[in-house]
Amino acid sequence: MGFLSIAFKIFKVFVEISVLLYCDEQIFQGFIFMSHKSWIMVSGFFWAIVGFFLLYKGLHLIAEGSLGVMRDQSFAVSLFGSPEKGAMGLVAIGLFVGFIKGRFVLAKTVRRVCTRIVGLTLPISIKEVYSISYLLLIASMIFLGISLRLVPISLEIKGVVDVAIGSALLNGAMLYFRASQALKISHL
C-alpha cells in the first residue's frame, strides 16, 4: 500500500470525523450536506494531508540527493560544504519559501474560499463549495507536480520545491482551521 493511498484513507477518516463532530449530518438524495464550519475544516484537512505528503516526499528527495550515493556531485555539498549542512540548508530554504508563499499567496486563497463557503445557504453540497477557478488552480498544481517528475533536474531541487509547497499548504491548512474556529454561527 502506497503513501498516497494511506493519505487518502486518512483524509476519508478526517471527513467522517468532521461530519460527526462539527455538523448535523443530513443525507438527502444520497448526498451528505455539511455546515459552513465543517466544509472549512474539510478544506483544511485536505490541505494538511497533501502538505504532509509533499513535505515528507521533499525531505526524502533532499536526503537522497545530498546524502545519497552521488553526494560528491551534489550542488548542496559544494554550496554549504558538507552533505549534512547542505541538506539542512536546502530544508531551511524550502521552509522559508513555503512560509512566505503560505502567508502571502495562499492566505488570499483561504480567505476567498472561506468567504465563499460562509456565503452559501445551508444545506451545502460538495458541488457548491468550490468554484471552477479554484478547481482549475488545484488541477494545474497537480499537473505541475506530475510534470516536475519528468524534468531532468536534481533530486535536491525537486525536494526543495516539494518542501516549499508542502510547508505552504500546511500553513494554509492552519489558516483554514483558524477560520473555522472563528466562525460564530449559532446553528453550528
N, C-alpha and C. Protein backbone atom coordinates (compact mmCIF):
# COMPACT_ATOMS: atom_id res chain seq x y z
N MET A 1 0.85 -1.17 0.00
CA MET A 1 0.00 0.00 0.00
C MET A 1 0.90 1.24 0.00
N GLY A 2 0.67 2.13 -0.96
CA GLY A 2 1.49 3.32 -1.10
C GLY A 2 1.10 4.43 -0.14
N PHE A 3 1.97 5.42 -0.06
CA PHE A 3 1.75 6.55 0.83
C PHE A 3 0.51 7.33 0.42
N LEU A 4 0.27 7.44 -0.91
CA LEU A 4 -0.88 8.20 -1.39
C LEU A 4 -2.19 7.53 -0.98
N SER A 5 -2.25 6.20 -1.03
CA SER A 5 -3.48 5.51 -0.61
C SER A 5 -3.70 5.64 0.89
N ILE A 6 -2.61 5.65 1.65
CA ILE A 6 -2.74 5.87 3.10
C ILE A 6 -3.23 7.29 3.37
N ALA A 7 -2.68 8.26 2.64
CA ALA A 7 -3.11 9.65 2.81
C ALA A 7 -4.59 9.80 2.46
N PHE A 8 -5.05 9.11 1.41
CA PHE A 8 -6.46 9.18 1.04
C PHE A 8 -7.34 8.59 2.13
N LYS A 9 -6.92 7.48 2.72
CA LYS A 9 -7.70 6.87 3.80
C LYS A 9 -7.75 7.78 5.02
N ILE A 10 -6.62 8.44 5.32
CA ILE A 10 -6.60 9.38 6.43
C ILE A 10 -7.55 10.54 6.15
N PHE A 11 -7.54 11.05 4.92
CA PHE A 11 -8.45 12.14 4.54
C PHE A 11 -9.90 11.71 4.71
N LYS A 12 -10.21 10.49 4.31
CA LYS A 12 -11.57 9.98 4.44
C LYS A 12 -11.99 9.91 5.91
N VAL A 13 -11.07 9.48 6.77
CA VAL A 13 -11.36 9.43 8.21
C VAL A 13 -11.58 10.83 8.74
N PHE A 14 -10.74 11.81 8.32
CA PHE A 14 -10.92 13.19 8.76
C PHE A 14 -12.27 13.75 8.33
N VAL A 15 -12.69 13.42 7.12
CA VAL A 15 -14.00 13.89 6.66
C VAL A 15 -15.09 13.29 7.52
N GLU A 16 -14.99 12.01 7.82
CA GLU A 16 -16.00 11.36 8.65
C GLU A 16 -16.01 11.94 10.06
N ILE A 17 -14.83 12.19 10.63
CA ILE A 17 -14.76 12.80 11.96
C ILE A 17 -15.34 14.20 11.92
N SER A 18 -15.02 14.94 10.87
CA SER A 18 -15.55 16.30 10.74
C SER A 18 -17.07 16.28 10.66
N VAL A 19 -17.61 15.34 9.92
CA VAL A 19 -19.06 15.23 9.81
C VAL A 19 -19.67 14.92 11.17
N LEU A 20 -19.03 14.02 11.91
CA LEU A 20 -19.58 13.64 13.21
C LEU A 20 -19.46 14.73 14.27
N LEU A 21 -18.35 15.45 14.26
CA LEU A 21 -18.10 16.43 15.31
C LEU A 21 -18.67 17.82 15.03
N TYR A 22 -18.67 18.24 13.79
CA TYR A 22 -18.94 19.63 13.50
C TYR A 22 -20.25 19.92 12.80
N CYS A 23 -21.04 18.94 12.56
CA CYS A 23 -22.29 19.27 11.87
C CYS A 23 -23.36 18.24 12.20
N ASP A 24 -24.56 18.64 11.92
CA ASP A 24 -25.67 17.71 11.95
C ASP A 24 -25.74 17.11 10.57
N GLU A 25 -25.39 15.86 10.47
CA GLU A 25 -25.35 15.21 9.17
C GLU A 25 -26.75 15.07 8.61
N GLN A 26 -26.90 15.48 7.39
CA GLN A 26 -28.17 15.33 6.70
C GLN A 26 -27.90 14.58 5.41
N ILE A 27 -28.59 13.51 5.21
CA ILE A 27 -28.44 12.79 3.96
C ILE A 27 -29.69 13.03 3.15
N PHE A 28 -29.48 13.60 1.97
CA PHE A 28 -30.59 13.97 1.12
C PHE A 28 -30.27 13.50 -0.29
N GLN A 29 -31.01 12.57 -0.79
CA GLN A 29 -30.84 12.02 -2.12
C GLN A 29 -29.41 11.51 -2.35
N GLY A 30 -28.86 10.85 -1.35
CA GLY A 30 -27.54 10.25 -1.50
C GLY A 30 -26.37 11.19 -1.26
N PHE A 31 -26.59 12.47 -0.99
CA PHE A 31 -25.51 13.41 -0.76
C PHE A 31 -25.44 13.77 0.72
N ILE A 32 -24.24 13.97 1.23
CA ILE A 32 -24.05 14.42 2.60
C ILE A 32 -23.89 15.93 2.57
N PHE A 33 -24.70 16.61 3.34
CA PHE A 33 -24.63 18.06 3.44
C PHE A 33 -24.02 18.42 4.79
N MET A 34 -23.09 19.37 4.77
CA MET A 34 -22.42 19.77 5.99
C MET A 34 -22.57 21.27 6.19
N SER A 35 -22.23 21.71 7.38
CA SER A 35 -22.32 23.13 7.74
C SER A 35 -21.12 23.89 7.19
N HIS A 36 -21.16 25.21 7.37
CA HIS A 36 -20.06 26.07 6.93
C HIS A 36 -18.74 25.67 7.61
N LYS A 37 -18.80 25.53 8.90
CA LYS A 37 -17.61 25.20 9.68
C LYS A 37 -17.03 23.86 9.23
N SER A 38 -17.88 22.90 8.96
CA SER A 38 -17.41 21.58 8.55
C SER A 38 -16.70 21.62 7.20
N TRP A 39 -17.26 22.39 6.25
CA TRP A 39 -16.62 22.48 4.94
C TRP A 39 -15.27 23.18 5.04
N ILE A 40 -15.17 24.18 5.89
CA ILE A 40 -13.88 24.85 6.07
C ILE A 40 -12.89 23.90 6.71
N MET A 41 -13.32 23.11 7.68
CA MET A 41 -12.44 22.11 8.31
C MET A 41 -12.00 21.05 7.31
N VAL A 42 -12.90 20.58 6.48
CA VAL A 42 -12.56 19.57 5.47
C VAL A 42 -11.52 20.13 4.51
N SER A 43 -11.68 21.39 4.11
CA SER A 43 -10.68 22.01 3.23
C SER A 43 -9.33 22.06 3.91
N GLY A 44 -9.32 22.41 5.19
CA GLY A 44 -8.06 22.43 5.93
C GLY A 44 -7.43 21.06 6.07
N PHE A 45 -8.26 20.04 6.33
CA PHE A 45 -7.73 18.68 6.43
C PHE A 45 -7.12 18.24 5.11
N PHE A 46 -7.77 18.57 4.00
CA PHE A 46 -7.26 18.19 2.69
C PHE A 46 -5.91 18.85 2.44
N TRP A 47 -5.81 20.14 2.71
CA TRP A 47 -4.54 20.84 2.51
C TRP A 47 -3.47 20.28 3.44
N ALA A 48 -3.83 19.95 4.68
CA ALA A 48 -2.85 19.41 5.63
C ALA A 48 -2.32 18.05 5.17
N ILE A 49 -3.19 17.20 4.69
CA ILE A 49 -2.76 15.87 4.24
C ILE A 49 -1.82 15.98 3.05
N VAL A 50 -2.20 16.80 2.07
CA VAL A 50 -1.34 16.98 0.89
C VAL A 50 -0.03 17.65 1.31
N GLY A 51 -0.10 18.60 2.23
CA GLY A 51 1.11 19.27 2.71
C GLY A 51 2.06 18.32 3.41
N PHE A 52 1.53 17.45 4.29
CA PHE A 52 2.38 16.46 4.96
C PHE A 52 3.01 15.51 3.94
N PHE A 53 2.23 15.09 2.95
CA PHE A 53 2.75 14.19 1.92
C PHE A 53 3.90 14.85 1.16
N LEU A 54 3.71 16.09 0.71
CA LEU A 54 4.75 16.77 -0.05
C LEU A 54 5.97 17.08 0.81
N LEU A 55 5.76 17.43 2.06
CA LEU A 55 6.87 17.70 2.96
C LEU A 55 7.71 16.44 3.17
N TYR A 56 7.04 15.32 3.41
CA TYR A 56 7.72 14.04 3.57
C TYR A 56 8.50 13.68 2.31
N LYS A 57 7.84 13.82 1.17
CA LYS A 57 8.48 13.49 -0.11
C LYS A 57 9.68 14.40 -0.37
N GLY A 58 9.53 15.69 -0.10
CA GLY A 58 10.62 16.63 -0.31
C GLY A 58 11.81 16.36 0.59
N LEU A 59 11.55 16.06 1.86
CA LEU A 59 12.65 15.74 2.77
C LEU A 59 13.39 14.48 2.32
N HIS A 60 12.63 13.52 1.84
CA HIS A 60 13.24 12.29 1.34
C HIS A 60 14.11 12.58 0.12
N LEU A 61 13.61 13.40 -0.81
CA LEU A 61 14.39 13.73 -2.01
C LEU A 61 15.66 14.51 -1.67
N ILE A 62 15.55 15.45 -0.73
CA ILE A 62 16.73 16.21 -0.32
C ILE A 62 17.76 15.28 0.32
N ALA A 63 17.30 14.40 1.19
CA ALA A 63 18.23 13.47 1.85
C ALA A 63 18.87 12.54 0.83
N GLU A 64 18.08 12.07 -0.11
CA GLU A 64 18.63 11.16 -1.13
C GLU A 64 19.64 11.88 -2.02
N GLY A 65 19.34 13.13 -2.38
CA GLY A 65 20.24 13.87 -3.24
C GLY A 65 21.49 14.35 -2.53
N SER A 66 21.36 14.80 -1.28
CA SER A 66 22.51 15.35 -0.55
C SER A 66 23.34 14.29 0.15
N LEU A 67 22.68 13.27 0.67
CA LEU A 67 23.38 12.28 1.49
C LEU A 67 23.51 10.93 0.80
N GLY A 68 22.98 10.82 -0.42
CA GLY A 68 22.94 9.54 -1.11
C GLY A 68 24.26 9.16 -1.74
N VAL A 69 24.19 8.22 -2.67
CA VAL A 69 25.36 7.64 -3.32
C VAL A 69 26.13 8.69 -4.12
N MET A 70 25.43 9.62 -4.76
CA MET A 70 26.06 10.61 -5.63
C MET A 70 26.33 11.92 -4.89
N ARG A 71 26.59 11.88 -3.61
CA ARG A 71 26.73 13.12 -2.84
C ARG A 71 27.93 13.95 -3.25
N ASP A 72 28.92 13.34 -3.90
CA ASP A 72 30.06 14.13 -4.36
C ASP A 72 29.65 15.08 -5.49
N GLN A 73 28.59 14.73 -6.23
CA GLN A 73 28.11 15.56 -7.32
C GLN A 73 27.00 16.51 -6.86
N SER A 74 26.68 16.51 -5.61
CA SER A 74 25.60 17.32 -5.07
C SER A 74 25.99 18.80 -5.08
N PHE A 75 25.09 19.64 -5.58
CA PHE A 75 25.38 21.07 -5.58
C PHE A 75 25.24 21.63 -4.17
N ALA A 76 24.45 20.98 -3.31
CA ALA A 76 24.29 21.43 -1.93
C ALA A 76 25.60 21.26 -1.16
N VAL A 77 26.33 20.21 -1.47
CA VAL A 77 27.61 19.99 -0.81
C VAL A 77 28.59 21.08 -1.22
N SER A 78 28.59 21.40 -2.51
CA SER A 78 29.50 22.46 -2.97
C SER A 78 29.08 23.82 -2.44
N LEU A 79 27.79 24.02 -2.21
CA LEU A 79 27.27 25.30 -1.73
C LEU A 79 27.48 25.49 -0.23
N PHE A 80 27.24 24.42 0.55
CA PHE A 80 27.27 24.54 2.00
C PHE A 80 28.48 23.87 2.67
N GLY A 81 29.24 23.08 1.93
CA GLY A 81 30.47 22.49 2.50
C GLY A 81 30.41 21.02 2.81
N SER A 82 29.36 20.55 3.44
CA SER A 82 29.25 19.13 3.78
C SER A 82 27.85 18.64 3.42
N PRO A 83 27.67 17.32 3.28
CA PRO A 83 26.34 16.81 2.94
C PRO A 83 25.27 17.15 3.97
N GLU A 84 25.64 17.07 5.25
CA GLU A 84 24.65 17.36 6.30
C GLU A 84 24.25 18.83 6.30
N LYS A 85 25.25 19.72 6.19
CA LYS A 85 24.95 21.14 6.12
C LYS A 85 24.17 21.49 4.85
N GLY A 86 24.50 20.79 3.77
CA GLY A 86 23.78 21.02 2.51
C GLY A 86 22.32 20.65 2.62
N ALA A 87 22.06 19.49 3.21
CA ALA A 87 20.67 19.05 3.37
C ALA A 87 19.91 20.00 4.29
N MET A 88 20.53 20.39 5.40
CA MET A 88 19.87 21.32 6.33
C MET A 88 19.63 22.69 5.68
N GLY A 89 20.58 23.15 4.90
CA GLY A 89 20.42 24.43 4.22
C GLY A 89 19.28 24.40 3.21
N LEU A 90 19.18 23.31 2.46
CA LEU A 90 18.11 23.19 1.47
C LEU A 90 16.74 23.09 2.15
N VAL A 91 16.67 22.37 3.26
CA VAL A 91 15.41 22.27 4.00
C VAL A 91 15.02 23.65 4.53
N ALA A 92 16.00 24.39 5.06
CA ALA A 92 15.72 25.74 5.57
C ALA A 92 15.22 26.66 4.46
N ILE A 93 15.84 26.58 3.29
CA ILE A 93 15.39 27.40 2.15
C ILE A 93 13.97 27.03 1.76
N GLY A 94 13.68 25.73 1.68
CA GLY A 94 12.33 25.28 1.32
C GLY A 94 11.29 25.72 2.32
N LEU A 95 11.61 25.61 3.61
CA LEU A 95 10.66 26.02 4.65
C LEU A 95 10.43 27.53 4.62
N PHE A 96 11.48 28.31 4.38
CA PHE A 96 11.33 29.76 4.32
C PHE A 96 10.46 30.18 3.12
N VAL A 97 10.75 29.60 1.96
CA VAL A 97 9.95 29.92 0.77
C VAL A 97 8.50 29.49 0.98
N GLY A 98 8.30 28.33 1.58
CA GLY A 98 6.94 27.86 1.87
C GLY A 98 6.21 28.75 2.85
N PHE A 99 6.92 29.25 3.86
CA PHE A 99 6.30 30.15 4.82
C PHE A 99 5.85 31.43 4.12
N ILE A 100 6.71 32.00 3.30
CA ILE A 100 6.36 33.23 2.58
C ILE A 100 5.17 32.98 1.64
N LYS A 101 5.21 31.88 0.92
CA LYS A 101 4.11 31.56 0.00
C LYS A 101 2.81 31.34 0.77
N GLY A 102 2.89 30.62 1.87
CA GLY A 102 1.69 30.34 2.65
C GLY A 102 1.09 31.59 3.26
N ARG A 103 1.93 32.48 3.78
CA ARG A 103 1.44 33.69 4.45
C ARG A 103 0.88 34.72 3.49
N PHE A 104 1.50 34.86 2.32
CA PHE A 104 1.14 35.96 1.46
C PHE A 104 0.36 35.55 0.21
N VAL A 105 0.55 34.34 -0.29
CA VAL A 105 -0.15 33.93 -1.51
C VAL A 105 -1.35 33.06 -1.17
N LEU A 106 -1.11 31.98 -0.43
CA LEU A 106 -2.21 31.06 -0.13
C LEU A 106 -3.20 31.62 0.88
N ALA A 107 -2.79 32.60 1.67
CA ALA A 107 -3.72 33.22 2.63
C ALA A 107 -4.88 33.88 1.90
N LYS A 108 -4.59 34.47 0.74
CA LYS A 108 -5.65 35.09 -0.07
C LYS A 108 -6.62 34.03 -0.58
N THR A 109 -6.10 32.89 -0.99
CA THR A 109 -6.95 31.80 -1.47
C THR A 109 -7.82 31.28 -0.33
N VAL A 110 -7.24 31.12 0.85
CA VAL A 110 -8.01 30.64 2.01
C VAL A 110 -9.13 31.61 2.34
N ARG A 111 -8.82 32.91 2.36
CA ARG A 111 -9.86 33.91 2.66
C ARG A 111 -10.98 33.86 1.62
N ARG A 112 -10.59 33.75 0.36
CA ARG A 112 -11.59 33.71 -0.72
C ARG A 112 -12.49 32.49 -0.60
N VAL A 113 -11.90 31.31 -0.33
CA VAL A 113 -12.69 30.08 -0.21
C VAL A 113 -13.58 30.15 1.03
N CYS A 114 -13.04 30.62 2.15
CA CYS A 114 -13.85 30.73 3.37
C CYS A 114 -15.00 31.71 3.19
N THR A 115 -14.75 32.82 2.53
CA THR A 115 -15.81 33.79 2.26
C THR A 115 -16.88 33.17 1.38
N ARG A 116 -16.46 32.40 0.39
CA ARG A 116 -17.43 31.72 -0.49
C ARG A 116 -18.27 30.72 0.30
N ILE A 117 -17.62 29.93 1.13
CA ILE A 117 -18.33 28.90 1.89
C ILE A 117 -19.32 29.54 2.86
N VAL A 118 -18.89 30.58 3.58
CA VAL A 118 -19.77 31.22 4.56
C VAL A 118 -20.95 31.90 3.87
N GLY A 119 -20.77 32.34 2.63
CA GLY A 119 -21.84 32.99 1.89
C GLY A 119 -22.90 32.05 1.34
N LEU A 120 -22.65 30.76 1.38
CA LEU A 120 -23.62 29.79 0.86
C LEU A 120 -24.73 29.54 1.88
N THR A 121 -25.91 29.23 1.38
CA THR A 121 -27.02 28.91 2.28
C THR A 121 -27.01 27.42 2.58
N LEU A 122 -27.41 27.09 3.79
CA LEU A 122 -27.46 25.70 4.22
C LEU A 122 -28.69 25.02 3.64
N PRO A 123 -28.66 23.76 3.36
CA PRO A 123 -27.54 22.82 3.40
C PRO A 123 -26.62 23.03 2.19
N ILE A 124 -25.34 22.77 2.39
CA ILE A 124 -24.32 22.97 1.37
C ILE A 124 -23.89 21.61 0.84
N SER A 125 -23.96 21.44 -0.47
CA SER A 125 -23.46 20.20 -1.07
C SER A 125 -22.07 20.45 -1.62
N ILE A 126 -21.38 19.39 -1.94
CA ILE A 126 -19.99 19.49 -2.40
C ILE A 126 -19.90 20.25 -3.72
N LYS A 127 -20.93 20.19 -4.53
CA LYS A 127 -20.92 20.88 -5.82
C LYS A 127 -20.90 22.39 -5.66
N GLU A 128 -21.37 22.89 -4.53
CA GLU A 128 -21.44 24.33 -4.31
C GLU A 128 -20.20 24.90 -3.65
N VAL A 129 -19.40 24.08 -3.02
CA VAL A 129 -18.33 24.57 -2.14
C VAL A 129 -17.22 25.27 -2.91
N TYR A 130 -16.70 24.64 -3.93
CA TYR A 130 -15.52 25.16 -4.62
C TYR A 130 -15.89 25.69 -6.00
N SER A 131 -15.33 26.85 -6.33
CA SER A 131 -15.58 27.46 -7.64
C SER A 131 -14.78 26.74 -8.72
N ILE A 132 -15.15 26.96 -9.95
CA ILE A 132 -14.44 26.36 -11.08
C ILE A 132 -12.99 26.85 -11.12
N SER A 133 -12.77 28.14 -10.82
CA SER A 133 -11.40 28.67 -10.85
C SER A 133 -10.53 28.00 -9.78
N TYR A 134 -11.10 27.71 -8.62
CA TYR A 134 -10.36 27.02 -7.56
C TYR A 134 -10.01 25.61 -8.00
N LEU A 135 -10.96 24.91 -8.60
CA LEU A 135 -10.71 23.55 -9.07
C LEU A 135 -9.67 23.54 -10.19
N LEU A 136 -9.70 24.55 -11.06
CA LEU A 136 -8.69 24.65 -12.12
C LEU A 136 -7.31 24.93 -11.53
N LEU A 137 -7.26 25.74 -10.47
CA LEU A 137 -5.99 26.00 -9.79
C LEU A 137 -5.42 24.71 -9.21
N ILE A 138 -6.26 23.93 -8.56
CA ILE A 138 -5.81 22.65 -7.98
C ILE A 138 -5.34 21.71 -9.08
N ALA A 139 -6.10 21.63 -10.18
CA ALA A 139 -5.73 20.75 -11.29
C ALA A 139 -4.40 21.18 -11.91
N SER A 140 -4.18 22.49 -12.04
CA SER A 140 -2.92 22.97 -12.62
C SER A 140 -1.74 22.67 -11.69
N MET A 141 -1.95 22.77 -10.37
CA MET A 141 -0.87 22.43 -9.43
C MET A 141 -0.55 20.94 -9.48
N ILE A 142 -1.57 20.11 -9.62
CA ILE A 142 -1.33 18.68 -9.75
C ILE A 142 -0.56 18.39 -11.04
N PHE A 143 -0.94 19.05 -12.12
CA PHE A 143 -0.26 18.87 -13.40
C PHE A 143 1.21 19.30 -13.30
N LEU A 144 1.45 20.43 -12.66
CA LEU A 144 2.83 20.89 -12.49
C LEU A 144 3.65 19.92 -11.63
N GLY A 145 3.02 19.37 -10.60
CA GLY A 145 3.70 18.40 -9.76
C GLY A 145 4.07 17.14 -10.51
N ILE A 146 3.16 16.69 -11.36
CA ILE A 146 3.44 15.49 -12.16
C ILE A 146 4.51 15.77 -13.19
N SER A 147 4.43 16.95 -13.83
CA SER A 147 5.42 17.28 -14.86
C SER A 147 6.81 17.51 -14.25
N LEU A 148 6.88 17.87 -12.98
CA LEU A 148 8.17 18.06 -12.32
C LEU A 148 8.95 16.75 -12.26
N ARG A 149 8.25 15.64 -12.23
CA ARG A 149 8.92 14.34 -12.22
C ARG A 149 9.66 14.09 -13.53
N LEU A 150 9.12 14.63 -14.62
CA LEU A 150 9.67 14.35 -15.94
C LEU A 150 10.83 15.26 -16.32
N VAL A 151 10.98 16.38 -15.63
CA VAL A 151 12.04 17.34 -15.94
C VAL A 151 13.35 16.82 -15.35
N PRO A 152 14.42 16.83 -16.16
CA PRO A 152 15.70 16.29 -15.66
C PRO A 152 16.46 17.31 -14.80
N ILE A 153 16.00 17.51 -13.57
CA ILE A 153 16.71 18.36 -12.62
C ILE A 153 17.09 17.51 -11.42
N SER A 154 17.98 18.04 -10.60
CA SER A 154 18.50 17.24 -9.49
C SER A 154 17.40 16.94 -8.46
N LEU A 155 17.61 15.87 -7.73
CA LEU A 155 16.68 15.48 -6.68
C LEU A 155 16.56 16.56 -5.61
N GLU A 156 17.66 17.25 -5.37
CA GLU A 156 17.65 18.29 -4.34
C GLU A 156 16.70 19.43 -4.69
N ILE A 157 16.72 19.86 -5.95
CA ILE A 157 15.83 20.94 -6.39
C ILE A 157 14.38 20.48 -6.30
N LYS A 158 14.11 19.27 -6.75
CA LYS A 158 12.75 18.73 -6.62
C LYS A 158 12.34 18.67 -5.16
N GLY A 159 13.26 18.29 -4.30
CA GLY A 159 12.98 18.23 -2.87
C GLY A 159 12.69 19.58 -2.27
N VAL A 160 13.46 20.60 -2.65
CA VAL A 160 13.22 21.95 -2.14
C VAL A 160 11.85 22.44 -2.58
N VAL A 161 11.48 22.18 -3.83
CA VAL A 161 10.16 22.59 -4.33
C VAL A 161 9.06 21.89 -3.54
N ASP A 162 9.21 20.59 -3.31
CA ASP A 162 8.20 19.86 -2.55
C ASP A 162 8.12 20.33 -1.10
N VAL A 163 9.27 20.61 -0.48
CA VAL A 163 9.26 21.11 0.90
C VAL A 163 8.58 22.48 0.96
N ALA A 164 8.88 23.33 -0.02
CA ALA A 164 8.28 24.66 -0.03
C ALA A 164 6.76 24.58 -0.21
N ILE A 165 6.31 23.78 -1.15
CA ILE A 165 4.86 23.67 -1.39
C ILE A 165 4.19 22.98 -0.21
N GLY A 166 4.81 21.94 0.33
CA GLY A 166 4.23 21.23 1.47
C GLY A 166 4.09 22.12 2.69
N SER A 167 5.14 22.90 2.99
CA SER A 167 5.04 23.77 4.16
C SER A 167 4.06 24.91 3.92
N ALA A 168 3.94 25.38 2.67
CA ALA A 168 2.94 26.41 2.36
C ALA A 168 1.52 25.86 2.54
N LEU A 169 1.30 24.63 2.11
CA LEU A 169 -0.03 24.02 2.28
C LEU A 169 -0.34 23.79 3.76
N LEU A 170 0.64 23.40 4.54
CA LEU A 170 0.41 23.24 5.98
C LEU A 170 0.08 24.58 6.64
N ASN A 171 0.76 25.62 6.21
CA ASN A 171 0.46 26.96 6.70
C ASN A 171 -0.97 27.35 6.32
N GLY A 172 -1.35 27.07 5.07
CA GLY A 172 -2.72 27.35 4.63
C GLY A 172 -3.75 26.52 5.38
N ALA A 173 -3.42 25.28 5.69
CA ALA A 173 -4.33 24.44 6.47
C ALA A 173 -4.57 25.04 7.85
N MET A 174 -3.51 25.56 8.46
CA MET A 174 -3.68 26.21 9.76
C MET A 174 -4.59 27.43 9.65
N LEU A 175 -4.50 28.15 8.54
CA LEU A 175 -5.39 29.30 8.33
C LEU A 175 -6.84 28.85 8.19
N TYR A 176 -7.06 27.72 7.51
CA TYR A 176 -8.41 27.15 7.42
C TYR A 176 -8.93 26.79 8.81
N PHE A 177 -8.10 26.14 9.62
CA PHE A 177 -8.55 25.73 10.95
C PHE A 177 -8.86 26.94 11.82
N ARG A 178 -8.03 27.97 11.73
CA ARG A 178 -8.31 29.20 12.48
C ARG A 178 -9.61 29.84 12.02
N ALA A 179 -9.84 29.85 10.71
CA ALA A 179 -11.08 30.44 10.18
C ALA A 179 -12.29 29.65 10.65
N SER A 180 -12.18 28.33 10.70
CA SER A 180 -13.33 27.52 11.14
C SER A 180 -13.62 27.76 12.61
N GLN A 181 -12.60 27.95 13.41
CA GLN A 181 -12.81 28.21 14.83
C GLN A 181 -13.33 29.62 15.09
N ALA A 182 -13.07 30.53 14.16
CA ALA A 182 -13.52 31.92 14.32
C ALA A 182 -14.99 32.10 13.97
N LEU A 183 -15.58 31.11 13.31
CA LEU A 183 -16.99 31.23 12.93
C LEU A 183 -17.86 31.21 14.18
N LYS A 184 -18.74 32.16 14.27
CA LYS A 184 -19.67 32.25 15.41
C LYS A 184 -21.11 32.17 14.92
N ILE A 185 -21.38 31.12 14.18
CA ILE A 185 -22.72 30.95 13.64
C ILE A 185 -23.53 30.10 14.64
N SER A 186 -24.69 30.53 14.98
CA SER A 186 -25.45 29.93 16.08
C SER A 186 -25.84 28.47 15.83
N HIS A 187 -26.06 28.09 14.58
CA HIS A 187 -26.53 26.72 14.35
C HIS A 187 -25.36 25.74 14.18
N LEU A 188 -24.13 26.17 14.41
CA LEU A 188 -23.02 25.23 14.37
C LEU A 188 -22.88 24.60 15.72
